[in-house]
Protein backbone atom coordinates (compact mmCIF):
# COMPACT_ATOMS: atom_id res chain seq x y z
CA MET A 1 -2.67 11.63 24.92
CA LEU A 2 -5.53 13.13 25.90
CA LEU A 3 -7.99 12.21 28.65
CA HIS A 4 -11.70 11.51 27.39
CA ASP A 5 -14.34 11.53 30.15
CA GLY A 6 -12.31 9.23 32.17
CA ARG A 7 -12.56 6.18 30.08
CA THR A 8 -10.42 6.61 27.52
CA VAL A 9 -7.16 7.70 26.16
CA ASN A 10 -6.63 9.19 22.74
CA LEU A 11 -3.17 7.73 21.83
CA GLN A 12 -3.81 9.57 18.25
CA GLY A 13 -0.38 11.71 17.46
CA GLU A 14 3.21 11.41 16.87
CA TRP A 15 5.08 7.95 16.86
CA ARG A 16 7.81 6.22 16.34
CA VAL A 17 8.10 4.01 12.80
CA LYS A 18 10.56 1.78 10.81
CA ILE A 19 9.83 -0.20 7.64
CA ASP A 20 10.40 -3.75 8.04
CA PRO A 21 11.30 -4.97 4.87
CA GLN A 22 14.03 -7.76 5.43
CA ASP A 23 11.46 -8.55 8.05
CA THR A 24 14.22 -9.04 10.51
CA GLY A 25 12.22 -7.30 13.69
CA ILE A 26 10.91 -10.10 15.85
CA ASP A 27 14.69 -12.28 15.10
CA ASP A 28 16.75 -9.09 15.81
CA LYS A 29 13.88 -8.31 19.15
CA TRP A 30 12.84 -4.65 18.17
CA PHE A 31 10.18 -4.45 20.39
CA GLU A 32 12.72 -4.79 23.51
CA ASN A 33 14.73 -1.49 22.09
CA ARG A 34 13.42 1.48 20.97
CA VAL A 35 12.37 2.44 17.08
CA ALA A 36 14.61 5.18 15.87
CA SER A 37 12.11 7.20 13.32
CA ALA A 38 10.26 10.10 14.94
CA GLY A 39 7.36 11.82 13.77
CA PHE A 40 5.23 9.86 11.79
CA PRO A 41 1.38 11.11 12.35
CA ILE A 42 -0.87 8.24 14.19
CA PRO A 43 -3.68 7.64 12.19
CA GLY A 44 -1.85 7.71 8.96
CA THR A 45 -0.12 4.94 6.51
CA CYS A 46 2.86 4.80 4.79
CA ALA A 47 1.68 5.89 1.80
CA GLU A 48 0.87 9.00 3.48
CA HIS A 49 3.66 9.72 4.92
CA ARG A 50 5.82 8.97 2.26
CA LEU A 51 7.65 4.49 3.44
CA GLY A 52 8.09 2.23 0.75
CA GLU A 53 8.30 2.08 -3.49
CA HIS A 54 7.89 4.95 -5.39
CA ARG A 55 5.54 4.54 -7.56
CA VAL A 56 5.44 6.71 -10.84
CA LEU A 57 1.68 7.57 -11.66
CA ALA A 58 1.35 7.88 -15.44
CA PRO A 59 -0.94 10.75 -15.77
CA GLY A 60 -4.48 10.23 -17.53
CA LEU A 61 -7.21 7.69 -18.09
CA THR A 62 -6.05 4.85 -19.19
CA LYS A 63 -6.84 1.75 -18.88
CA GLU A 64 -3.37 0.99 -16.82
CA ALA A 65 -5.11 4.07 -14.24
CA VAL A 66 -8.68 3.25 -13.84
CA GLN A 67 -8.89 -0.54 -13.22
CA CYS A 68 -7.21 -0.39 -9.52
CA LEU A 69 -6.86 2.05 -6.89
CA ARG A 70 -3.20 3.09 -6.89
CA THR A 71 -0.60 5.26 -3.83
CA GLU A 72 2.37 7.04 -4.97
CA TYR A 73 4.24 5.04 -2.35
CA THR A 74 3.38 1.50 -1.50
CA TYR A 75 4.56 -1.15 0.80
CA GLN A 76 3.64 -4.50 1.62
CA GLY A 77 5.65 -6.05 4.84
CA ALA A 78 5.54 -5.32 8.33
CA ALA A 79 6.17 -2.20 9.74
CA TRP A 80 6.89 -1.00 13.20
CA TYR A 81 4.97 1.35 15.18
CA GLN A 82 6.20 2.80 18.54
CA THR A 83 4.84 5.34 20.89
CA ASP A 84 5.23 6.08 25.47
CA ILE A 85 1.83 5.93 27.77
CA CYS A 86 1.89 6.62 31.84
CA LEU A 87 -1.23 6.83 33.19
CA THR A 88 -2.26 7.44 36.72
CA ASP A 89 -5.22 6.83 38.37
CA CYS A 90 -5.59 2.84 37.31
CA HIS A 91 -8.31 1.60 39.24
CA ALA A 92 -8.01 -2.00 40.28
CA ASP A 93 -10.51 -2.91 39.25
CA LYS A 94 -10.59 -1.41 35.63
CA HIS A 95 -9.68 -2.66 32.78
CA ILE A 96 -7.89 -1.44 30.16
CA ILE A 97 -7.84 -2.47 26.04
CA LEU A 98 -5.80 -1.07 23.43
CA PHE A 99 -8.37 0.01 20.51
CA LEU A 100 -6.48 0.06 17.12
CA GLU A 101 -9.96 0.64 15.07
CA ARG A 102 -9.06 0.61 11.64
CA VAL A 103 -5.29 -2.47 10.51
CA MET A 104 -5.23 -3.80 7.27
CA GLY A 105 -3.14 -7.45 8.23
CA GLU A 106 -2.05 -9.28 11.49
CA THR A 107 -0.76 -7.05 14.49
CA GLN A 108 1.41 -7.84 16.72
CA LEU A 109 1.25 -6.10 20.25
CA TRP A 110 3.89 -5.70 23.30
CA VAL A 111 4.11 -3.85 25.69
CA ASP A 112 7.76 -2.43 27.63
CA GLY A 113 9.43 -5.44 25.44
CA VAL A 114 6.65 -8.15 26.30
CA ALA A 115 4.46 -9.79 24.02
CA VAL A 116 0.80 -9.49 24.52
CA GLY A 117 -0.38 -11.21 21.46
CA ARG A 118 -2.16 -10.98 17.82
CA GLN A 119 -4.51 -9.74 15.91
CA ASP A 120 -5.31 -10.78 12.61
CA SER A 121 -8.87 -9.18 10.90
CA LEU A 122 -9.36 -7.18 7.91
CA THR A 123 -13.51 -5.71 9.12
CA THR A 124 -13.34 -5.98 12.68
CA PRO A 125 -11.06 -3.44 15.30
CA HIS A 126 -7.78 -4.64 16.98
CA GLN A 127 -8.31 -5.39 20.41
CA PHE A 128 -5.82 -5.54 23.55
CA ASP A 129 -6.81 -6.24 26.48
CA ILE A 130 -3.80 -4.95 28.33
CA THR A 131 -4.65 -4.55 31.92
CA ARG A 132 -2.08 -6.74 33.58
CA TYR A 133 0.72 -5.32 31.58
CA ILE A 134 0.45 -1.51 32.80
CA SER A 135 2.24 -0.74 35.92
CA GLU A 136 0.06 2.40 37.07
CA GLY A 137 2.66 5.72 37.28
CA LYS A 138 5.83 4.04 35.17
CA THR A 139 6.22 5.04 31.78
CA GLN A 140 5.87 2.71 28.66
CA GLN A 141 6.44 1.28 26.02
CA ILE A 142 3.63 0.29 23.30
CA THR A 143 5.17 -1.56 20.75
CA LEU A 144 2.98 -2.89 17.08
CA ARG A 145 4.10 -5.32 14.20
CA ILE A 146 1.11 -4.30 11.48
CA ASP A 147 1.51 -6.52 8.60
CA ASN A 148 0.20 -6.20 5.88
CA ARG A 149 0.83 -8.70 3.17
CA ASP A 150 -2.04 -11.66 2.16
CA ILE A 151 -1.11 -14.36 5.19
CA GLN A 152 -3.93 -15.40 4.98
CA ASN A 153 -3.69 -16.47 0.97
CA ILE A 154 -6.74 -15.14 0.01
CA GLY A 155 -4.73 -14.14 -4.08
CA ASP A 156 -6.53 -12.05 -6.41
CA TRP A 157 -9.87 -12.71 -5.72
CA PRO A 158 -12.62 -9.55 -4.96
CA SER A 159 -12.12 -9.15 -1.44
CA ALA A 160 -11.36 -6.12 1.16
CA ARG A 161 -7.60 -7.15 0.35
CA THR A 162 -7.28 -5.95 -2.84
CA ASP A 163 -6.63 -3.17 -4.84
CA GLN A 164 -9.34 -3.68 -6.60
CA THR A 165 -11.96 -2.17 -3.21
CA GLN A 166 -9.04 -0.49 -1.68
CA THR A 167 -5.27 0.32 -1.97
CA ILE A 168 -2.39 -2.35 0.68
CA TRP A 169 -1.79 0.27 3.28
CA ASN A 170 0.41 -0.56 6.16
CA GLY A 171 -0.77 1.64 8.53
CA ILE A 172 -3.20 2.47 11.81
CA VAL A 173 -6.65 4.32 10.46
CA GLY A 174 -9.39 5.30 12.99
CA LYS A 175 -9.93 5.64 16.32
CA VAL A 176 -6.71 4.55 18.58
CA GLU A 177 -7.19 4.56 21.87
CA LEU A 178 -7.06 2.67 25.31
CA GLN A 179 -10.31 2.22 26.47
CA ILE A 180 -10.78 2.04 30.65
């Protein structure tokens, strides 16, 4: 983590990640445990790091090849992302916001196994006030569950949620930081 100008803590770097194709992570309380898989660079997506279903992409400019955007790996469902933070010099009068610039779908957040909240937006950053969950000088686990399934039932209508406008990816891209 890098501290920038006293107002942000950059959370970009290696995170732990685990995909949850059976959607059992909440019932099995993955947010209370340490996800075993490490070495996943954030910002990044499951497709970039070869998580999910491998698709064989036919070469050439066929109708299928150009009618929508495609990736070699695809994953739709829940994926869990974890990192550890330790903040010092947190003044009581400061708010601490977890800022995720771009996430596709729903994000749920836990700090040290305690539920903080959920966000669901395709167009705006996901932001969580984690002030009351942070203990100064203590190493704490941040756990995110990101679900990129069509929970809003948008369907195939043209939107930011279709392969016609972008791929259906799972991950965090853009800024990932604590704003203090």
